[in-house]
Protein backbone atom coordinates (compact mmCIF):
# COMPACT_ATOMS: atom_id res chain seq x y z
CA MET A 1 -7.34 -296.87 211.79
CA GLU A 2 -9.85 -294.36 213.13
CA THR A 3 -7.67 -291.39 212.19
CA ASN A 4 -7.07 -292.76 208.71
CA THR A 5 -10.80 -293.28 208.06
CA HIS A 6 -11.50 -289.84 209.42
CA ASN A 7 -8.95 -288.30 207.02
CA ILE A 8 -10.44 -290.12 204.05
CA TYR A 9 -13.87 -288.62 204.77
CA LEU A 10 -12.38 -285.20 205.42
CA PHE A 11 -10.55 -285.32 202.08
CA LYS A 12 -13.75 -286.41 200.35
CA ALA A 13 -15.54 -283.45 201.89
CA PHE A 14 -12.87 -281.00 200.73
CA ASP A 15 -12.90 -282.54 197.28
CA ALA A 16 -16.69 -282.29 196.94
CA TYR A 17 -17.10 -278.86 198.56
CA SER A 18 -18.99 -276.27 196.59
CA TYR A 19 -19.90 -278.43 193.61
CA SER A 20 -21.68 -281.27 195.44
CA LEU A 21 -23.16 -280.25 198.76
CA GLU A 22 -24.78 -283.63 199.27
CA GLU A 23 -21.43 -285.40 199.04
CA THR A 24 -19.77 -282.71 201.14
CA MET A 25 -22.31 -283.00 203.94
CA GLU A 26 -22.27 -286.79 203.91
CA ALA A 27 -18.48 -286.90 204.12
CA LEU A 28 -18.39 -284.21 206.83
CA ASN A 29 -20.97 -286.03 208.93
CA TYR A 30 -18.90 -289.21 208.70
CA ALA A 31 -15.70 -287.33 209.50
CA LEU A 32 -17.30 -285.66 212.52
CA SER A 33 -18.74 -288.96 213.72
CA TYR A 34 -15.16 -290.28 213.94
CA ASP A 35 -13.80 -287.11 215.53
CA PRO A 36 -16.44 -284.57 216.67
CA GLU A 37 -13.72 -282.05 217.56
CA ASN A 38 -11.81 -282.07 214.28
CA THR A 39 -11.17 -278.42 213.56
CA GLU A 40 -10.93 -278.76 209.78
CA ALA A 41 -14.23 -280.63 209.56
CA LEU A 42 -15.96 -278.12 211.83
CA TYR A 43 -14.52 -275.24 209.82
CA LEU A 44 -15.77 -276.67 206.54
CA MET A 45 -19.18 -277.40 208.08
CA ALA A 46 -19.41 -273.77 209.25
CA GLN A 47 -18.53 -272.60 205.74
CA VAL A 48 -21.22 -274.79 204.18
CA TYR A 49 -23.86 -273.36 206.49
CA ALA A 50 -22.62 -269.78 206.05
CA PHE A 51 -21.86 -269.53 202.35
CA GLN A 52 -23.96 -272.21 200.72
CA LEU A 53 -27.04 -272.49 202.93
CA LYS A 54 -27.04 -268.92 204.35
CA ASP A 55 -27.96 -270.38 207.74
CA TYR A 56 -25.95 -267.98 209.86
CA GLU A 57 -27.17 -269.19 213.25
CA THR A 58 -26.02 -272.76 212.54
CA ALA A 59 -22.76 -271.45 211.08
CA LYS A 60 -22.24 -269.43 214.27
CA ALA A 61 -22.77 -272.54 216.36
CA TYR A 62 -20.07 -274.39 214.41
CA PHE A 63 -17.69 -271.45 214.65
CA GLU A 64 -18.30 -271.19 218.40
CA LYS A 65 -17.60 -274.89 218.86
CA LEU A 66 -14.48 -274.53 216.76
CA MET A 67 -13.25 -271.59 218.82
CA GLY A 68 -13.82 -273.60 221.97
CA ILE A 69 -11.41 -276.20 220.60
CA ASP A 70 -8.76 -273.98 218.98
CA VAL A 71 -9.01 -270.24 219.58
CA LYS A 72 -5.71 -269.64 217.79
CA MET A 73 -6.74 -271.10 214.40
CA PRO A 74 -6.14 -267.99 212.28
CA LYS A 75 -8.21 -268.86 209.23
CA ILE A 76 -11.53 -268.97 211.09
CA TYR A 77 -11.68 -265.29 212.02
CA PRO A 78 -12.48 -263.61 208.68
CA ASN A 79 -15.34 -266.00 207.92
CA TYR A 80 -16.71 -265.97 211.46
CA ILE A 81 -16.65 -262.15 211.53
CA TRP A 82 -18.37 -262.08 208.13
CA VAL A 83 -21.11 -264.40 209.48
CA LEU A 84 -21.60 -262.19 212.53
CA MET A 85 -21.92 -259.14 210.29
CA ARG A 86 -24.49 -260.84 208.03
CA ASN A 87 -26.42 -261.87 211.11
CA GLU A 88 -26.27 -258.27 212.38
CA ASP A 89 -24.41 -259.25 215.54
CA TYR A 90 -22.32 -256.10 215.33
CA PRO A 91 -21.02 -255.84 218.93
CA GLN A 92 -19.96 -259.49 218.89
CA ALA A 93 -18.30 -259.01 215.48
CA GLN A 94 -16.40 -255.97 216.80
CA ARG A 95 -15.14 -257.85 219.87
CA LEU A 96 -14.06 -260.81 217.75
CA LEU A 97 -12.32 -258.49 215.29
CA GLU A 98 -10.35 -256.82 218.05
CA PHE A 99 -9.29 -260.21 219.39
CA ALA A 100 -8.47 -261.60 215.93
CA LEU A 101 -6.06 -258.74 215.32
CA THR A 102 -4.01 -260.04 218.28
CA VAL A 103 -3.85 -263.63 217.03
CA LYS A 104 -0.58 -264.54 215.37
CA GLY A 105 -0.94 -265.54 211.73
CA THR A 106 -4.28 -263.88 210.99
CA ASP A 107 -4.71 -261.98 207.74
CA LYS A 108 -4.49 -258.47 209.19
CA PRO A 109 -5.29 -256.58 205.96
CA LEU A 110 -8.41 -258.70 205.45
CA LEU A 111 -9.43 -258.09 209.06
CA ARG A 112 -8.99 -254.33 208.53
CA LEU A 113 -11.18 -254.61 205.42
CA LEU A 114 -13.84 -256.36 207.48
CA GLN A 115 -13.48 -253.66 210.14
CA GLY A 116 -14.25 -251.05 207.49
CA GLN A 117 -17.26 -253.00 206.26
CA LEU A 118 -18.49 -253.50 209.82
CA LEU A 119 -18.25 -249.79 210.56
CA GLU A 120 -19.89 -248.91 207.27
CA SER A 121 -22.81 -251.23 208.01
CA GLN A 122 -23.29 -249.24 211.23
CA ASN A 123 -23.10 -245.92 209.31
CA VAL A 124 -19.80 -244.86 210.87
CA LEU A 125 -18.35 -243.79 207.54
CA LYS A 126 -15.36 -241.71 208.66
CA ALA A 127 -13.98 -244.54 210.81
CA SER A 128 -14.84 -246.98 208.03
CA LEU A 129 -12.66 -245.02 205.62
CA ALA A 130 -9.79 -245.04 208.12
CA ALA A 131 -10.02 -248.84 208.44
CA PHE A 132 -10.09 -249.23 204.66
CA GLU A 133 -7.00 -247.01 204.35
CA MET A 134 -5.17 -249.21 206.87
CA ALA A 135 -6.21 -252.31 204.92
CA LYS A 136 -4.92 -250.75 201.72
CA ASP A 137 -1.62 -249.79 203.34
CA GLU A 138 -1.14 -253.29 204.77
CA GLY A 139 -2.32 -255.10 201.62
CA GLY A 140 0.13 -257.44 200.00
CA ASN A 141 -1.22 -257.90 196.48
CA SER A 142 -2.59 -255.71 193.73
CA ASP A 143 -6.00 -257.38 193.50
CA PHE A 144 -6.66 -256.86 197.20
CA ILE A 145 -5.42 -253.27 197.12
CA ASN A 146 -7.55 -252.47 194.08
CA TYR A 147 -10.59 -253.99 195.78
CA VAL A 148 -9.98 -251.87 198.87
CA LYS A 149 -9.57 -248.77 196.71
CA GLY A 150 -12.99 -249.52 195.25
CA GLU A 151 -14.43 -249.81 198.76
CA ILE A 152 -12.87 -246.46 199.67
CA GLU A 153 -14.35 -244.77 196.62
CA ARG A 154 -17.78 -246.27 197.28
CA VAL A 155 -17.80 -245.04 200.88
CA LYS A 156 -16.53 -241.60 199.84
CA ASP A 157 -19.38 -241.39 197.33
CA LYS A 158 -21.81 -242.43 200.03
CA ARG A 159 -20.46 -239.77 202.39
CA SER A 160 -20.64 -237.02 199.78
CA SER A 161 -24.20 -237.98 198.80
CA ARG A 162 -25.23 -237.85 202.46
CA LYS A 163 -23.62 -234.45 202.85
CA GLU A 164 -25.45 -233.29 199.73
CA LYS A 165 -28.78 -234.54 201.12
CA LYS A 166 -28.19 -232.72 204.40
CA LYS A 167 -27.31 -229.57 202.50
CA ASN A 168 -30.50 -229.82 200.44
CA LYS A 169 -32.60 -230.37 203.57
CA LYS A 170 -31.12 -227.26 205.15
CA LYS A 171 -31.89 -225.26 202.01
CA LYS A 172 -35.49 -226.48 202.01
CA LYS A 173 -35.93 -225.59 205.68
CA SER A 174 -34.44 -222.15 205.27
CA SER A 175 -36.52 -221.40 202.15
CA SER A 176 -39.72 -222.55 203.89
CA LYS A 177 -38.94 -220.28 206.84
CA LYS A 178 -38.41 -217.32 204.46
CA LYS A 179 -41.84 -217.92 202.86
CA LYS A 180 -43.56 -217.69 206.25
């Protein structure tokens, strides 16, 4: 009976998610009271805190608990990495990314996309472009590939504008030296 009640609350939480946070949270709290280690309930709770409430520390805590229960649950990695990036936990995000790429069943192209975004956020644009190219090559649908192409173009524009700024700075320095 306990498992059945737990499932009813879990289904209610899934059904209410994103349009009624109050109902979602109530159902999740009931579901977790029946089974505090239910991976689906913990995953949804982490998503609520990450994407709806923007409480990344609490989301991290749920993801960490979830990983302690089932480290091979492939769907948690992209969202957990995203949370770590938003929370500026870059070294931890990098380590998790490297591990996630070894887990069977993970969305490798999406992880490569996140790798590119992680590197870009740390201003490592050349490596970021390489990761985006790998994501594009591994992508399995047109929408994803087009999105990655947009990311590539954006980073290329960023790189060229930085090069242009450096070039202008050098010109200013050399012209100021000539005036002296």
